[in-house]
Amino acid sequence: MGWLVERKRTYNRRRSWRYAELEEELRSQLLSGRLTTIMDNRKLGSFLHEIVIHRRTFDYVTLKFV
């Protein structure tokens, strides 16, 4: 959890950073499975994996990925 808190703090201080750097780090954490372990929530980890790794969009009307 400390990783995410620190990255958010750093990102908020340096607005000149591109979000792509933060996204790439999040992607790395998801691929390694560390983020899911940190969150201790397999469903949320799977949800984020679909969005960040597979670039899918969640349709809240149908409650499915598109």
Protein backbone atom coordinates (compact mmCIF):
# COMPACT_ATOMS: atom_id res chain seq x y z
CA MET A 1 0.00 0.00 0.00
CA GLY A 2 2.92 2.30 0.73
CA TRP A 3 3.98 2.07 -2.92
CA LEU A 4 0.64 3.44 -4.13
CA VAL A 5 0.45 6.18 -1.49
CA GLU A 6 3.98 7.36 -2.24
CA ARG A 7 3.45 7.34 -6.01
CA LYS A 8 0.22 9.32 -5.65
CA ARG A 9 1.94 11.86 -3.41
CA THR A 10 4.85 12.23 -5.84
CA TYR A 11 2.53 12.46 -8.85
CA ASN A 12 0.41 15.13 -7.18
CA ARG A 13 3.52 17.24 -6.45
CA ARG A 14 4.93 17.01 -9.96
CA ARG A 15 2.14 17.86 -12.33
CA SER A 16 4.63 17.95 -15.18
CA TRP A 17 4.94 14.16 -15.00
CA ARG A 18 3.00 12.36 -17.62
CA TYR A 19 0.33 9.97 -16.38
CA ALA A 20 1.84 7.31 -18.66
CA GLU A 21 4.73 6.85 -16.23
CA LEU A 22 2.34 6.21 -13.36
CA GLU A 23 0.23 3.93 -15.53
CA GLU A 24 3.30 1.92 -16.55
CA GLU A 25 4.21 1.40 -12.92
CA LEU A 26 0.65 0.34 -12.10
CA ARG A 27 0.77 -2.04 -15.07
CA SER A 28 3.97 -3.58 -13.75
CA GLN A 29 2.46 -4.05 -10.29
CA LEU A 30 -0.63 -5.70 -11.79
CA LEU A 31 1.36 -8.03 -14.03
CA SER A 32 3.48 -9.20 -11.12
CA GLY A 33 0.38 -9.80 -8.98
CA ARG A 34 1.72 -7.56 -6.22
CA LEU A 35 -1.09 -5.02 -6.41
CA THR A 36 -3.77 -7.68 -6.04
CA THR A 37 -1.90 -9.09 -3.04
CA ILE A 38 -1.55 -5.63 -1.48
CA MET A 39 -5.25 -4.90 -1.94
CA ASP A 40 -6.15 -8.36 -0.68
CA ASN A 41 -9.07 -8.34 -3.09
CA ARG A 42 -8.89 -10.77 -6.00
CA LYS A 43 -12.04 -9.42 -7.71
CA LEU A 44 -10.81 -5.83 -7.65
CA GLY A 45 -7.41 -6.98 -8.90
CA SER A 46 -9.05 -8.83 -11.76
CA PHE A 47 -11.20 -5.79 -12.58
CA LEU A 48 -8.15 -3.49 -12.68
CA HIS A 49 -6.25 -6.06 -14.74
CA GLU A 50 -8.96 -5.99 -17.43
CA ILE A 51 -8.95 -2.20 -17.54
CA VAL A 52 -5.22 -1.48 -17.28
CA ILE A 53 -3.68 -4.49 -19.00
CA HIS A 54 -6.32 -5.38 -21.60
CA ARG A 55 -7.50 -1.76 -22.07
CA ARG A 56 -11.14 -2.74 -21.75
CA THR A 57 -13.96 -0.39 -20.81
CA PHE A 58 -16.58 -1.29 -18.23
CA ASP A 59 -20.17 -0.53 -19.23
CA TYR A 60 -22.10 0.29 -16.07
CA VAL A 61 -25.44 -0.12 -17.83
CA THR A 62 -24.84 -3.76 -18.77
CA LEU A 63 -22.24 -4.36 -16.04
CA LYS A 64 -19.91 -5.95 -18.59
CA PHE A 65 -16.61 -5.15 -20.24
CA VAL A 66 -16.77 -3.86 -23.80
